[in-house]
Amino acid sequence: MFTSEIIGSFNELETSIYNYISKNKDKVPYMRIRELAAETHVSTATILRFCRKLNCDGYSEFKTKLKMELDKSEKPTIKSSQHALVEFFERTLNGESDERITKVATLVAKSDNVIFIGNGSSGILAEYGARYFSGLGSFSTYIRDFSYPIHSKLRYNSVAIGLSVSGENAFTISQLNQLKQEGSKIISITNNKLSTIAKISDINIPYYMSEEFYQQTNITTQVPVMYILESIAREIHNL
C-alpha cells in the first residue's frame, strides 16, 4: 500500500499523516476522518488528497485497504517444538519406518561411497549427515552446488541420499537422476512419499510433518530428518 514511490511523493503534511498512521495502524481503521484530521493537525481535505495518492476514492476505501493489509500482515501461529516432535513420533515412528531405516543401513554398509545431496536448509542437513556418517566410520561427502562435478570413482558402487522437504526441488531431482542413470542406489528422506524424488528412489523414508510457512519461507521442522539420519548412521555402525 505504502510503496517507496508513493512515500517519496508525500509533501510535509502528508508525511506527518503517514507517520501517524504507521504508529497507530491498529487504531486508524476505526477512526472517523475528522478524528484523524484532528490528531494529525490537518484539514479533512488534506486527508482526502492523501487517500487519493494511495489510489483510494475516499477515506472509507482507504480504511478498508488498511484493515486488509493489517489482516494480511498478522503473524501466523507457529507450532511449538514440542508439538512438532509429538506429531513426528505419533505419525512416523512405527515398524515400517524402522524397517526402512534397517534396509537403508544395509545398503549403505555394502557400498563404497555415500553421497548426500540437498539444497537450501536440506543442503545444510546434507552436510550434517555426511559429517555424522563419517564420524561413525562411513566416510561420506555432500553436494549442494548444482555445478559440482562428481568424480567417476565416487559414482562406483555408491549410494546417494537425497534430502528434500517437498521432494520436488529441481536441483536435487537433477543430481539424483544423473546418479541413478549411472548406477547409484537412490535413498531419499522427504516429507511426501508421493513426491518426484520419492518416486525415483530405491528406498524413500517419509516423515509426514504438517508443512509450515512464514513469509513464503518453508519453516517445516527438520528434527525428523536429523533423527532419521542419526538412526541410519547408528544402524550402519552396529552392522
Protein backbone atom coordinates (compact mmCIF):
# COMPACT_ATOMS: atom_id res chain seq x y z
CA MET A 1 0.00 0.00 0.00
CA PHE A 2 2.73 2.45 1.02
CA THR A 3 5.28 1.91 -1.74
CA SER A 4 8.60 3.75 -1.76
CA GLU A 5 7.42 5.76 -4.80
CA ILE A 6 4.24 6.92 -3.06
CA ILE A 7 6.05 7.78 0.17
CA GLY A 8 8.61 9.74 -1.84
CA SER A 9 5.81 11.85 -3.36
CA PHE A 10 4.40 12.96 0.01
CA ASN A 11 4.68 16.62 0.99
CA GLU A 12 5.35 17.69 4.57
CA LEU A 13 1.73 17.44 5.74
CA GLU A 14 1.18 14.08 4.02
CA THR A 15 4.40 12.76 5.57
CA SER A 16 3.10 13.70 9.03
CA ILE A 17 -0.16 11.81 8.27
CA TYR A 18 1.85 8.79 7.09
CA ASN A 19 3.99 8.84 10.26
CA TYR A 20 0.88 8.99 12.46
CA ILE A 21 -0.75 6.08 10.62
CA SER A 22 2.44 4.00 10.85
CA LYS A 23 2.46 4.42 14.63
CA ASN A 24 -1.28 3.84 15.06
CA LYS A 25 -2.20 1.21 12.47
CA ASP A 26 -4.48 -0.66 14.85
CA LYS A 27 -6.44 2.49 15.73
CA VAL A 28 -6.76 4.35 12.40
CA PRO A 29 -9.15 1.87 10.64
CA TYR A 30 -11.74 2.69 13.31
CA MET A 31 -11.29 6.48 13.34
CA ARG A 32 -13.58 8.95 11.56
CA ILE A 33 -11.99 11.33 9.08
CA ARG A 34 -12.47 14.30 11.43
CA GLU A 35 -10.76 12.40 14.26
CA LEU A 36 -7.73 11.61 12.07
CA ALA A 37 -7.60 15.22 10.86
CA ALA A 38 -7.64 16.47 14.46
CA GLU A 39 -4.93 14.02 15.56
CA THR A 40 -2.65 14.96 12.66
CA HIS A 41 -3.46 18.69 12.77
CA VAL A 42 -4.55 18.90 9.13
CA SER A 43 -7.84 19.54 7.33
CA THR A 44 -10.19 16.80 6.14
CA ALA A 45 -9.45 17.96 2.57
CA THR A 46 -5.76 17.13 3.15
CA ILE A 47 -6.74 13.67 4.40
CA LEU A 48 -8.78 13.09 1.23
CA ARG A 49 -5.88 14.20 -1.01
CA PHE A 50 -3.67 11.80 0.94
CA CYS A 51 -6.14 8.96 0.29
CA ARG A 52 -6.26 9.73 -3.44
CA LYS A 53 -2.45 9.50 -3.59
CA LEU A 54 -2.89 5.95 -2.32
CA ASN A 55 -5.31 5.21 -5.19
CA CYS A 56 -8.35 5.28 -2.91
CA ASP A 57 -11.59 7.00 -3.97
CA GLY A 58 -12.17 8.23 -0.44
CA TYR A 59 -11.44 7.81 3.25
CA SER A 60 -13.71 4.74 3.62
CA GLU A 61 -11.84 2.83 0.92
CA PHE A 62 -8.53 3.84 2.49
CA LYS A 63 -9.62 2.41 5.87
CA THR A 64 -10.79 -0.83 4.23
CA LYS A 65 -7.48 -1.29 2.42
CA LEU A 66 -5.51 -0.50 5.58
CA LYS A 67 -7.53 -3.08 7.54
CA MET A 68 -6.95 -5.70 4.83
CA GLU A 69 -3.22 -5.00 4.92
CA LEU A 70 -3.17 -5.39 8.69
CA ASP A 71 -5.02 -8.71 8.47
CA LYS A 72 -2.55 -9.92 5.85
CA SER A 73 0.49 -8.98 7.93
CA GLU A 74 -0.68 -10.62 11.13
CA LYS A 75 1.89 -13.13 12.32
CA PRO A 76 0.81 -16.72 11.67
CA THR A 77 0.77 -19.09 14.61
CA ILE A 78 3.88 -21.24 14.63
CA LYS A 79 3.68 -24.59 16.35
CA SER A 80 5.87 -25.17 19.38
CA SER A 81 8.84 -27.50 19.02
CA GLN A 82 7.14 -29.89 21.46
CA HIS A 83 4.04 -30.04 19.23
CA ALA A 84 6.20 -30.78 16.18
CA LEU A 85 8.04 -33.59 17.98
CA VAL A 86 4.84 -35.19 19.24
CA GLU A 87 3.40 -35.05 15.71
CA PHE A 88 6.52 -36.71 14.32
CA PHE A 89 6.60 -39.51 16.89
CA GLU A 90 2.88 -40.23 16.52
CA ARG A 91 2.84 -40.27 12.71
CA THR A 92 6.24 -41.65 11.76
CA LEU A 93 7.85 -43.85 14.36
CA ASN A 94 6.42 -47.25 13.59
CA GLY A 95 7.56 -50.69 12.45
CA GLU A 96 7.54 -49.69 8.78
CA SER A 97 9.85 -46.74 9.46
CA ASP A 98 12.29 -48.92 11.44
CA GLU A 99 12.27 -51.50 8.64
CA ARG A 100 13.17 -48.88 6.03
CA ILE A 101 15.96 -47.49 8.21
CA THR A 102 17.42 -51.01 8.50
CA LYS A 103 17.19 -51.53 4.72
CA VAL A 104 18.96 -48.24 4.07
CA ALA A 105 21.68 -49.06 6.61
CA THR A 106 22.26 -52.46 4.98
CA LEU A 107 22.50 -50.87 1.53
CA VAL A 108 24.93 -48.19 2.71
CA ALA A 109 27.07 -50.72 4.59
CA LYS A 110 27.64 -52.64 1.33
CA SER A 111 28.54 -49.54 -0.70
CA ASP A 112 31.93 -47.93 -1.26
CA ASN A 113 30.74 -44.33 -1.42
CA VAL A 114 27.94 -42.32 0.16
CA ILE A 115 26.89 -39.02 -1.42
CA PHE A 116 24.49 -36.64 0.33
CA ILE A 117 22.54 -34.19 -1.82
CA GLY A 118 20.33 -31.29 -0.75
CA ASN A 119 19.54 -27.67 -1.43
CA GLY A 120 18.78 -24.78 0.94
CA SER A 121 18.16 -25.96 4.50
CA SER A 122 18.26 -29.53 3.18
CA GLY A 123 21.77 -28.74 1.91
CA ILE A 124 22.82 -27.84 5.44
CA LEU A 125 21.39 -31.15 6.66
CA ALA A 126 23.18 -32.96 3.83
CA GLU A 127 26.47 -31.62 5.20
CA TYR A 128 25.43 -32.61 8.72
CA GLY A 129 24.53 -36.12 7.54
CA ALA A 130 27.86 -36.57 5.77
CA ARG A 131 29.77 -35.46 8.88
CA TYR A 132 27.69 -37.69 11.16
CA PHE A 133 28.09 -40.75 8.92
CA SER A 134 31.83 -40.10 8.62
CA GLY A 135 32.09 -39.75 12.40
CA LEU A 136 30.68 -43.27 12.80
CA GLY A 137 33.03 -44.80 10.24
CA SER A 138 31.12 -44.45 6.94
CA PHE A 139 33.07 -41.80 5.05
CA SER A 140 30.62 -39.63 3.13
CA THR A 141 30.58 -36.49 1.04
CA TYR A 142 27.85 -33.96 0.33
CA ILE A 143 26.81 -31.84 -2.66
CA ARG A 144 24.76 -28.66 -2.59
CA ASP A 145 26.24 -26.96 -5.65
CA PHE A 146 24.42 -27.65 -8.93
CA SER A 147 27.67 -27.45 -10.94
CA TYR A 148 29.70 -29.67 -8.58
CA PRO A 149 31.49 -32.36 -10.66
CA ILE A 150 31.04 -35.91 -9.36
CA HIS A 151 34.18 -37.97 -9.98
CA SER A 152 33.64 -41.36 -11.59
CA LYS A 153 35.29 -43.11 -8.61
CA LEU A 154 32.64 -41.67 -6.31
CA ARG A 155 29.87 -42.97 -8.57
CA TYR A 156 31.14 -46.57 -8.45
CA ASN A 157 29.13 -48.77 -6.05
CA SER A 158 27.67 -45.67 -4.48
CA VAL A 159 24.56 -44.72 -2.55
CA ALA A 160 23.11 -41.24 -2.97
CA ILE A 161 20.98 -39.88 -0.13
CA GLY A 162 18.72 -37.03 -1.25
CA LEU A 163 17.12 -34.68 1.27
CA SER A 164 14.12 -32.51 0.40
CA VAL A 165 11.07 -31.36 2.35
CA SER A 166 8.78 -31.09 -0.68
CA GLY A 167 10.53 -33.78 -2.69
CA GLU A 168 10.25 -31.51 -5.73
CA ASN A 169 13.49 -29.48 -5.64
CA ALA A 170 14.76 -29.25 -9.23
CA PHE A 171 18.46 -29.28 -8.24
CA THR A 172 18.11 -32.40 -6.11
CA ILE A 173 15.98 -34.19 -8.72
CA SER A 174 18.56 -33.46 -11.42
CA GLN A 175 21.52 -34.71 -9.35
CA LEU A 176 19.74 -37.84 -8.14
CA ASN A 177 18.51 -38.67 -11.63
CA GLN A 178 22.04 -38.34 -13.02
CA LEU A 179 23.44 -40.63 -10.32
CA LYS A 180 20.60 -43.13 -10.83
CA GLN A 181 21.34 -43.31 -14.56
CA GLU A 182 24.97 -44.06 -13.73
CA GLY A 183 24.11 -46.95 -11.41
CA SER A 184 23.92 -45.40 -7.93
CA LYS A 185 21.30 -46.58 -5.48
CA ILE A 186 18.99 -43.71 -4.52
CA ILE A 187 17.78 -43.14 -0.97
CA SER A 188 15.56 -40.18 -0.13
CA ILE A 189 14.19 -38.58 3.02
CA THR A 190 11.19 -36.41 2.19
CA ASN A 191 8.00 -35.14 3.77
CA ASN A 192 5.89 -36.64 0.98
CA LYS A 193 6.10 -40.24 -0.19
CA LEU A 194 4.30 -39.35 -3.45
CA SER A 195 6.82 -36.67 -4.49
CA THR A 196 9.05 -36.90 -7.58
CA ILE A 197 12.18 -37.58 -5.52
CA ALA A 198 10.40 -40.33 -3.57
CA LYS A 199 9.25 -41.96 -6.81
CA ILE A 200 12.74 -42.13 -8.37
CA SER A 201 14.24 -43.55 -5.17
CA ASP A 202 15.04 -47.16 -4.43
CA ILE A 203 14.04 -46.50 -0.82
CA ASN A 204 12.15 -43.49 0.49
CA ILE A 205 11.69 -42.60 4.15
CA PRO A 206 8.84 -40.09 4.56
CA TYR A 207 8.24 -38.23 7.81
CA TYR A 208 4.74 -36.76 7.29
CA MET A 209 5.02 -33.41 9.07
CA SER A 210 2.48 -30.62 8.52
CA GLU A 211 4.33 -28.07 6.42
CA GLU A 212 4.68 -24.57 7.88
CA PHE A 213 5.46 -21.35 6.04
CA TYR A 214 6.40 -17.92 7.31
CA GLN A 215 6.60 -15.04 4.80
CA GLN A 216 6.84 -17.57 1.92
CA THR A 217 9.72 -19.41 3.61
CA ASN A 218 9.27 -23.10 4.37
CA ILE A 219 9.98 -23.47 8.10
CA THR A 220 8.82 -27.07 8.49
CA THR A 221 10.80 -28.62 11.34
CA GLN A 222 13.85 -30.62 10.30
CA VAL A 223 14.17 -32.53 13.57
CA PRO A 224 12.68 -35.70 11.96
CA VAL A 225 15.37 -35.62 9.25
CA MET A 226 18.14 -35.40 11.85
CA TYR A 227 16.57 -38.26 13.80
CA ILE A 228 16.34 -40.46 10.70
CA LEU A 229 19.92 -39.66 9.60
CA GLU A 230 21.34 -40.42 13.03
CA SER A 231 19.29 -43.64 13.27
CA ILE A 232 20.63 -44.83 9.91
CA ALA A 233 24.24 -43.97 10.85
CA ARG A 234 23.98 -45.81 14.17
CA GLU A 235 22.42 -48.85 12.49
CA ILE A 236 25.28 -48.91 9.96
CA HIS A 237 27.77 -48.78 12.82
CA ASN A 238 26.03 -51.72 14.54
CA LEU A 239 26.10 -53.73 11.30
